[in-house]
């Protein structure tokens, strides 16, 4: 059989090189995200959006009536086709 020493050494070199590249990439990414967080303005909720009530009616479960009607119609049509 062929000597596996050089093949294992090459595989280890490629593995270590890949790990170093990934580590460096992630380190640079973390640094850039942290830097962006320092310079980017923080989002402040506007008072007009927060106090404006919704124009559509919402039932006590938080689901809009149009969505309930669409789901009910789909279930009714499915049951009618399968019966």
PDB file of N, CA and C in Angstrom:
ATOM      1  N   UNK A   1       0.833  -1.192   0.000  1.00  0.00           N
ATOM      2  CA  UNK A   1       0.000   0.000   0.000  1.00  0.00           C
ATOM      3  C   UNK A   1       0.869   1.242   0.000  1.00  0.00           C
ATOM      4  N   UNK A   2       0.240   2.318  -0.420  1.00  0.00           N
ATOM      5  CA  UNK A   2       0.954   3.597  -0.485  1.00  0.00           C
ATOM      6  C   UNK A   2       1.094   4.176   0.915  1.00  0.00           C
ATOM      7  N   UNK A   3       2.077   5.014   1.064  1.00  0.00           N
ATOM      8  CA  UNK A   3       2.317   5.676   2.348  1.00  0.00           C
ATOM      9  C   UNK A   3       1.243   6.744   2.568  1.00  0.00           C
ATOM     10  N   UNK A   4       0.535   6.676   3.691  1.00  0.00           N
ATOM     11  CA  UNK A   4      -0.548   7.615   3.976  1.00  0.00           C
ATOM     12  C   UNK A   4      -0.076   8.870   4.698  1.00  0.00           C
ATOM     13  N   UNK A   5       1.176   8.917   5.103  1.00  0.00           N
ATOM     14  CA  UNK A   5       1.690  10.065   5.847  1.00  0.00           C
ATOM     15  C   UNK A   5       1.522  11.389   5.127  1.00  0.00           C
ATOM     16  N   UNK A   6       1.983  11.496   3.887  1.00  0.00           N
ATOM     17  CA  UNK A   6       1.820  12.773   3.172  1.00  0.00           C
ATOM     18  C   UNK A   6       0.360  13.151   2.927  1.00  0.00           C
ATOM     19  N   UNK A   7      -0.493  12.165   2.689  1.00  0.00           N
ATOM     20  CA  UNK A   7      -1.912  12.462   2.472  1.00  0.00           C
ATOM     21  C   UNK A   7      -2.567  12.980   3.749  1.00  0.00           C
ATOM     22  N   UNK A   8      -2.244  12.361   4.881  1.00  0.00           N
ATOM     23  CA  UNK A   8      -2.795  12.831   6.153  1.00  0.00           C
ATOM     24  C   UNK A   8      -2.269  14.220   6.498  1.00  0.00           C
ATOM     25  N   UNK A   9      -0.994  14.470   6.200  1.00  0.00           N
ATOM     26  CA  UNK A   9      -0.421  15.792   6.473  1.00  0.00           C
ATOM     27  C   UNK A   9      -1.106  16.858   5.617  1.00  0.00           C
ATOM     28  N   UNK A  10      -1.376  16.555   4.352  1.00  0.00           N
ATOM     29  CA  UNK A  10      -2.061  17.498   3.466  1.00  0.00           C
ATOM     30  C   UNK A  10      -3.500  17.729   3.928  1.00  0.00           C
ATOM     31  N   UNK A  11      -4.168  16.665   4.350  1.00  0.00           N
ATOM     32  CA  UNK A  11      -5.538  16.800   4.847  1.00  0.00           C
ATOM     33  C   UNK A  11      -5.576  17.656   6.110  1.00  0.00           C
ATOM     34  N   UNK A  12      -4.631  17.459   7.015  1.00  0.00           N
ATOM     35  CA  UNK A  12      -4.581  18.260   8.238  1.00  0.00           C
ATOM     36  C   UNK A  12      -4.286  19.720   7.912  1.00  0.00           C
ATOM     37  N   UNK A  13      -3.405  19.954   6.953  1.00  0.00           N
ATOM     38  CA  UNK A  13      -3.084  21.329   6.554  1.00  0.00           C
ATOM     39  C   UNK A  13      -4.302  22.030   5.972  1.00  0.00           C
ATOM     40  N   UNK A  14      -5.036  21.333   5.121  1.00  0.00           N
ATOM     41  CA  UNK A  14      -6.244  21.914   4.528  1.00  0.00           C
ATOM     42  C   UNK A  14      -7.291  22.174   5.603  1.00  0.00           C
ATOM     43  N   UNK A  15      -7.430  21.255   6.549  1.00  0.00           N
ATOM     44  CA  UNK A  15      -8.404  21.420   7.617  1.00  0.00           C
ATOM     45  C   UNK A  15      -8.065  22.620   8.490  1.00  0.00           C
ATOM     46  N   UNK A  16      -6.822  22.739   8.893  1.00  0.00           N
ATOM     47  CA  UNK A  16      -6.408  23.857   9.748  1.00  0.00           C
ATOM     48  C   UNK A  16      -6.550  25.180   8.992  1.00  0.00           C
ATOM     49  N   UNK A  17      -6.186  25.183   7.721  1.00  0.00           N
ATOM     50  CA  UNK A  17      -6.336  26.402   6.924  1.00  0.00           C
ATOM     51  C   UNK A  17      -7.800  26.819   6.847  1.00  0.00           C
ATOM     52  N   UNK A  18      -8.684  25.885   6.615  1.00  0.00           N
ATOM     53  CA  UNK A  18     -10.112  26.190   6.566  1.00  0.00           C
ATOM     54  C   UNK A  18     -10.636  26.713   7.891  1.00  0.00           C
ATOM     55  N   UNK A  19     -10.206  26.108   8.982  1.00  0.00           N
ATOM     56  CA  UNK A  19     -10.654  26.560  10.301  1.00  0.00           C
ATOM     57  C   UNK A  19     -10.154  27.973  10.595  1.00  0.00           C
ATOM     58  N   UNK A  20      -8.925  28.273  10.214  1.00  0.00           N
ATOM     59  CA  UNK A  20      -8.383  29.615  10.440  1.00  0.00           C
ATOM     60  C   UNK A  20      -9.135  30.640   9.601  1.00  0.00           C
ATOM     61  N   UNK A  21      -9.431  30.305   8.350  1.00  0.00           N
ATOM     62  CA  UNK A  21     -10.167  31.232   7.486  1.00  0.00           C
ATOM     63  C   UNK A  21     -11.553  31.505   8.045  1.00  0.00           C
ATOM     64  N   UNK A  22     -12.248  30.481   8.484  1.00  0.00           N
ATOM     65  CA  UNK A  22     -13.586  30.665   9.057  1.00  0.00           C
ATOM     66  C   UNK A  22     -13.504  31.486  10.339  1.00  0.00           C
ATOM     67  N   UNK A  23     -12.535  31.202  11.190  1.00  0.00           N
ATOM     68  CA  UNK A  23     -12.377  31.956  12.429  1.00  0.00           C
ATOM     69  C   UNK A  23     -12.108  33.428  12.138  1.00  0.00           C
ATOM     70  N   UNK A  24     -11.230  33.715  11.191  1.00  0.00           N
ATOM     71  CA  UNK A  24     -10.940  35.102  10.846  1.00  0.00           C
ATOM     72  C   UNK A  24     -12.159  35.801  10.261  1.00  0.00           C
ATOM     73  N   UNK A  25     -12.880  35.119   9.388  1.00  0.00           N
ATOM     74  CA  UNK A  25     -14.084  35.702   8.803  1.00  0.00           C
ATOM     75  C   UNK A  25     -15.118  36.028   9.877  1.00  0.00           C
ATOM     76  N   UNK A  26     -15.369  35.104  10.784  1.00  0.00           N
ATOM     77  CA  UNK A  26     -16.347  35.349  11.843  1.00  0.00           C
ATOM     78  C   UNK A  26     -15.886  36.446  12.789  1.00  0.00           C
ATOM     79  N   UNK A  27     -14.591  36.516  13.076  1.00  0.00           N
ATOM     80  CA  UNK A  27     -14.072  37.579  13.932  1.00  0.00           C
ATOM     81  C   UNK A  27     -14.256  38.938  13.283  1.00  0.00           C
ATOM     82  N   UNK A  28     -13.964  39.032  11.993  1.00  0.00           N
ATOM     83  CA  UNK A  28     -14.158  40.301  11.285  1.00  0.00           C
ATOM     84  C   UNK A  28     -15.637  40.657  11.226  1.00  0.00           C
ATOM     85  N   UNK A  29     -16.490  39.668  11.001  1.00  0.00           N
ATOM     86  CA  UNK A  29     -17.922  39.912  10.960  1.00  0.00           C
ATOM     87  C   UNK A  29     -18.439  40.432  12.295  1.00  0.00           C
ATOM     88  N   UNK A  30     -18.005  39.837  13.398  1.00  0.00           N
ATOM     89  CA  UNK A  30     -18.420  40.301  14.726  1.00  0.00           C
ATOM     90  C   UNK A  30     -17.941  41.724  14.969  1.00  0.00           C
ATOM     91  N   UNK A  31     -16.708  42.016  14.587  1.00  0.00           N
ATOM     92  CA  UNK A  31     -16.173  43.364  14.765  1.00  0.00           C
ATOM     93  C   UNK A  31     -16.977  44.381  13.952  1.00  0.00           C
ATOM     94  N   UNK A  32     -17.294  44.055  12.707  1.00  0.00           N
ATOM     95  CA  UNK A  32     -18.032  44.995  11.864  1.00  0.00           C
ATOM     96  C   UNK A  32     -19.465  45.206  12.355  1.00  0.00           C
ATOM     97  N   UNK A  33     -20.098  44.156  12.830  1.00  0.00           N
ATOM     98  CA  UNK A  33     -21.455  44.303  13.363  1.00  0.00           C
ATOM     99  C   UNK A  33     -21.439  45.159  14.627  1.00  0.00           C
ATOM    100  N   UNK A  34     -20.454  44.954  15.478  1.00  0.00           N
ATOM    101  CA  UNK A  34     -20.325  45.774  16.688  1.00  0.00           C
ATOM    102  C   UNK A  34     -20.066  47.229  16.315  1.00  0.00           C
ATOM    103  N   UNK A  35     -19.218  47.454  15.327  1.00  0.00           N
ATOM    104  CA  UNK A  35     -18.930  48.809  14.878  1.00  0.00           C
ATOM    105  C   UNK A  35     -20.170  49.457  14.290  1.00  0.00           C
ATOM    106  N   UNK A  36     -20.936  48.708  13.516  1.00  0.00           N
ATOM    107  CA  UNK A  36     -22.167  49.230  12.947  1.00  0.00           C
ATOM    108  C   UNK A  36     -23.178  49.564  14.032  1.00  0.00           C
ATOM    109  N   UNK A  37     -23.240  48.764  15.077  1.00  0.00           N
ATOM    110  CA  UNK A  37     -24.176  49.014  16.170  1.00  0.00           C
ATOM    111  C   UNK A  37     -23.828  50.309  16.899  1.00  0.00           C
ATOM    112  N   UNK A  38     -22.549  50.667  16.937  1.00  0.00           N
ATOM    113  CA  UNK A  38     -22.160  51.911  17.604  1.00  0.00           C
ATOM    114  C   UNK A  38     -22.527  53.136  16.778  1.00  0.00           C
ATOM    115  N   UNK A  39     -22.424  53.025  15.451  1.00  0.00           N
ATOM    116  CA  UNK A  39     -22.651  54.187  14.598  1.00  0.00           C
ATOM    117  C   UNK A  39     -24.069  54.299  14.069  1.00  0.00           C
ATOM    118  N   UNK A  40     -24.808  53.229  14.009  1.00  0.00           N
ATOM    119  CA  UNK A  40     -26.169  53.259  13.477  1.00  0.00           C
ATOM    120  C   UNK A  40     -27.100  53.893  14.505  1.00  0.00           C
ATOM    121  N   UNK A  41     -28.028  54.732  14.050  1.00  0.00           N
ATOM    122  CA  UNK A  41     -28.969  55.341  14.997  1.00  0.00           C
ATOM    123  C   UNK A  41     -29.955  54.305  15.515  1.00  0.00           C
ATOM    124  N   UNK A  42     -30.328  54.456  16.753  1.00  0.00           N
ATOM    125  CA  UNK A  42     -31.295  53.535  17.346  1.00  0.00           C
ATOM    126  C   UNK A  42     -32.685  53.897  16.858  1.00  0.00           C
ATOM    127  N   UNK A  43     -33.516  52.893  16.643  1.00  0.00           N
ATOM    128  CA  UNK A  43     -34.876  53.121  16.188  1.00  0.00           C
ATOM    129  C   UNK A  43     -35.726  53.569  17.366  1.00  0.00           C
ATOM    130  N   UNK A  44     -36.334  54.735  17.217  1.00  0.00           N
ATOM    131  CA  UNK A  44     -37.239  55.237  18.238  1.00  0.00           C
ATOM    132  C   UNK A  44     -38.658  55.106  17.703  1.00  0.00           C
ATOM    133  N   UNK A  45     -39.556  54.484  18.473  1.00  0.00           N
ATOM    134  CA  UNK A  45     -40.926  54.352  17.987  1.00  0.00           C
ATOM    135  C   UNK A  45     -41.588  55.720  17.924  1.00  0.00           C
ATOM    136  N   UNK A  46     -42.223  56.003  16.798  1.00  0.00           N
ATOM    137  CA  UNK A  46     -42.880  57.291  16.654  1.00  0.00           C
ATOM    138  C   UNK A  46     -44.199  57.282  17.410  1.00  0.00           C
ATOM    139  N   UNK A  47     -44.555  58.419  17.952  1.00  0.00           N
ATOM    140  CA  UNK A  47     -45.759  58.527  18.774  1.00  0.00           C
ATOM    141  C   UNK A  47     -47.019  58.379  17.931  1.00  0.00           C
ATOM    142  N   UNK A  48     -46.997  58.845  16.680  1.00  0.00           N
ATOM    143  CA  UNK A  48     -48.194  58.768  15.859  1.00  0.00           C
ATOM    144  C   UNK A  48     -48.523  57.336  15.474  1.00  0.00           C
ATOM    145  N   UNK A  49     -47.523  56.506  15.265  1.00  0.00           N
ATOM    146  CA  UNK A  49     -47.765  55.114  14.900  1.00  0.00           C
ATOM    147  C   UNK A  49     -48.198  54.309  16.119  1.00  0.00           C
ATOM    148  N   UNK A  50     -47.620  54.579  17.268  1.00  0.00           N
ATOM    149  CA  UNK A  50     -47.926  53.807  18.466  1.00  0.00           C
ATOM    150  C   UNK A  50     -49.334  54.078  18.978  1.00  0.00           C
ATOM    151  N   UNK A  51     -49.850  55.292  18.824  1.00  0.00           N
ATOM    152  CA  UNK A  51     -51.154  55.640  19.365  1.00  0.00           C
ATOM    153  C   UNK A  51     -52.289  55.468  18.373  1.00  0.00           C
ATOM    154  N   UNK A  52     -51.992  55.191  17.113  1.00  0.00           N
ATOM    155  CA  UNK A  52     -53.015  55.075  16.094  1.00  0.00           C
ATOM    156  C   UNK A  52     -53.700  53.715  16.200  1.00  0.00           C
ATOM    157  N   UNK A  53     -55.033  53.678  16.413  1.00  0.00           N
ATOM    158  CA  UNK A  53     -55.724  52.389  16.474  1.00  0.00           C
ATOM    159  C   UNK A  53     -55.874  51.799  15.073  1.00  0.00           C
ATOM    160  N   UNK A  54     -56.014  50.492  15.029  1.00  0.00           N
ATOM    161  CA  UNK A  54     -56.152  49.833  13.729  1.00  0.00           C
ATOM    162  C   UNK A  54     -57.553  50.072  13.185  1.00  0.00           C
ATOM    163  N   UNK A  55     -57.657  50.144  11.853  1.00  0.00           N
ATOM    164  CA  UNK A  55     -58.935  50.449  11.229  1.00  0.00           C
ATOM    165  C   UNK A  55     -59.803  49.201  11.060  1.00  0.00           C
ATOM    166  N   UNK A  56     -59.206  48.017  11.111  1.00  0.00           N
ATOM    167  CA  UNK A  56     -59.988  46.794  10.966  1.00  0.00           C
ATOM    168  C   UNK A  56     -60.348  46.240  12.333  1.00  0.00           C
ATOM    169  N   UNK A  57     -61.484  45.588  12.374  1.00  0.00           N
ATOM    170  CA  UNK A  57     -61.949  45.014  13.632  1.00  0.00           C
ATOM    171  C   UNK A  57     -61.167  43.735  13.936  1.00  0.00           C
ATOM    172  N   UNK A  58     -60.843  43.535  15.193  1.00  0.00           N
ATOM    173  CA  UNK A  58     -60.111  42.357  15.629  1.00  0.00           C
ATOM    174  C   UNK A  58     -60.903  41.709  16.748  1.00  0.00           C
ATOM    175  N   UNK A  59     -61.105  40.393  16.664  1.00  0.00           N
ATOM    176  CA  UNK A  59     -61.856  39.735  17.723  1.00  0.00           C
ATOM    177  C   UNK A  59     -60.972  39.502  18.944  1.00  0.00           C
ATOM    178  N   UNK A  60     -61.492  38.907  19.969  1.00  0.00           N
ATOM    179  CA  UNK A  60     -60.770  38.764  21.235  1.00  0.00           C
ATOM    180  C   UNK A  60     -59.562  37.841  21.135  1.00  0.00           C
ATOM    181  N   UNK A  61     -59.467  37.019  20.092  1.00  0.00           N
ATOM    182  CA  UNK A  61     -58.309  36.149  19.920  1.00  0.00           C
ATOM    183  C   UNK A  61     -57.186  36.819  19.151  1.00  0.00           C
ATOM    184  N   UNK A  62     -57.409  38.018  18.630  1.00  0.00           N
ATOM    185  CA  UNK A  62     -56.381  38.729  17.893  1.00  0.00           C
ATOM    186  C   UNK A  62     -56.335  38.379  16.419  1.00  0.00           C
ATOM    187  N   UNK A  63     -57.354  37.686  15.900  1.00  0.00           N
ATOM    188  CA  UNK A  63     -57.390  37.308  14.492  1.00  0.00           C
ATOM    189  C   UNK A  63     -58.433  38.187  13.799  1.00  0.00           C
ATOM    190  N   UNK A  64     -58.068  38.709  12.645  1.00  0.00           N
ATOM    191  CA  UNK A  64     -58.989  39.574  11.910  1.00  0.00           C
ATOM    192  C   UNK A  64     -60.138  38.755  11.343  1.00  0.00           C
ATOM    193  N   UNK A  65     -61.334  39.342  11.282  1.00  0.00           N
ATOM    194  CA  UNK A  65     -62.503  38.603  10.784  1.00  0.00           C
ATOM    195  C   UNK A  65     -62.344  38.137   9.341  1.00  0.00           C
ATOM    196  N   UNK A  66     -61.621  38.901   8.510  1.00  0.00           N
ATOM    197  CA  UNK A  66     -61.424  38.498   7.118  1.00  0.00           C
ATOM    198  C   UNK A  66     -60.627  37.198   7.031  1.00  0.00           C
ATOM    199  N   UNK A  67     -59.652  37.054   7.906  1.00  0.00           N
ATOM    200  CA  UNK A  67     -58.833  35.841   7.920  1.00  0.00           C
ATOM    201  C   UNK A  67     -59.657  34.656   8.395  1.00  0.00           C
ATOM    202  N   UNK A  68     -60.494  34.868   9.410  1.00  0.00           N
ATOM    203  CA  UNK A  68     -61.362  33.797   9.904  1.00  0.00           C
ATOM    204  C   UNK A  68     -62.320  33.356   8.803  1.00  0.00           C
ATOM    205  N   UNK A  69     -62.866  34.311   8.061  1.00  0.00           N
ATOM    206  CA  UNK A  69     -63.792  33.980   6.976  1.00  0.00           C
ATOM    207  C   UNK A  69     -63.089  33.209   5.870  1.00  0.00           C
ATOM    208  N   UNK A  70     -61.871  33.598   5.523  1.00  0.00           N
ATOM    209  CA  UNK A  70     -61.126  32.910   4.469  1.00  0.00           C
ATOM    210  C   UNK A  70     -60.793  31.481   4.884  1.00  0.00           C
ATOM    211  N   UNK A  71     -60.383  31.293   6.124  1.00  0.00           N
ATOM    212  CA  UNK A  71     -60.068  29.949   6.603  1.00  0.00           C
ATOM    213  C   UNK A  71     -61.325  29.087   6.656  1.00  0.00           C
ATOM    214  N   UNK A  72     -62.428  29.665   7.115  1.00  0.00           N
ATOM    215  CA  UNK A  72     -63.686  28.915   7.182  1.00  0.00           C
ATOM    216  C   UNK A  72     -64.143  28.490   5.795  1.00  0.00           C
ATOM    217  N   UNK A  73     -64.014  29.390   4.825  1.00  0.00           N
ATOM    218  CA  UNK A  73     -64.415  29.055   3.454  1.00  0.00           C
ATOM    219  C   UNK A  73     -63.526  27.954   2.891  1.00  0.00           C
ATOM    220  N   UNK A  74     -62.228  28.007   3.158  1.00  0.00           N
ATOM    221  CA  UNK A  74     -61.308  26.992   2.657  1.00  0.00           C
ATOM    222  C   UNK A  74     -61.610  25.632   3.279  1.00  0.00           C
ATOM    223  N   UNK A  75     -61.895  25.595   4.583  1.00  0.00           N
ATOM    224  CA  UNK A  75     -62.214  24.335   5.253  1.00  0.00           C
ATOM    225  C   UNK A  75     -63.527  23.768   4.714  1.00  0.00           C
ATOM    226  N   UNK A  76     -64.534  24.647   4.504  1.00  0.00           N
ATOM    227  CA  UNK A  76     -65.810  24.201   3.987  1.00  0.00           C
ATOM    228  C   UNK A  76     -65.647  23.620   2.580  1.00  0.00           C
ATOM    229  N   UNK A  77     -64.866  24.281   1.740  1.00  0.00           N
ATOM    230  CA  UNK A  77     -64.646  23.783   0.375  1.00  0.00           C
ATOM    231  C   UNK A  77     -63.877  22.458   0.399  1.00  0.00           C
ATOM    232  N   UNK A  78     -62.895  22.327   1.266  1.00  0.00           N
ATOM    233  CA  UNK A  78     -62.135  21.076   1.371  1.00  0.00           C
ATOM    234  C   UNK A  78     -63.038  19.923   1.794  1.00  0.00           C
ATOM    235  N   UNK A  79     -63.855  20.165   2.810  1.00  0.00           N
ATOM    236  CA  UNK A  79     -64.750  19.104   3.301  1.00  0.00           C
ATOM    237  C   UNK A  79     -65.791  18.732   2.241  1.00  0.00           C
ATOM    238  N   UNK A  80     -66.259  19.715   1.463  1.00  0.00           N
ATOM    239  CA  UNK A  80     -67.252  19.445   0.424  1.00  0.00           C
ATOM    240  C   UNK A  80     -66.635  18.590  -0.689  1.00  0.00           C
ATOM    241  N   UNK A  81     -65.341  18.836  -1.024  1.00  0.00           N
ATOM    242  CA  UNK A  81     -64.689  18.068  -2.079  1.00  0.00           C
ATOM    243  C   UNK A  81     -64.381  16.637  -1.612  1.00  0.00           C
ATOM    244  N   UNK A  82     -64.060  16.462  -0.347  1.00  0.00           N
ATOM    245  CA  UNK A  82     -63.690  15.130   0.167  1.00  0.00           C
ATOM    246  C   UNK A  82     -64.913  14.279   0.505  1.00  0.00           C
ATOM    247  N   UNK A  83     -66.093  14.887   0.632  1.00  0.00           N
ATOM    248  CA  UNK A  83     -67.293  14.119   1.008  1.00  0.00           C
ATOM    249  C   UNK A  83     -67.918  13.412  -0.163  1.00  0.00           C
TER     250      UNK A  83
END
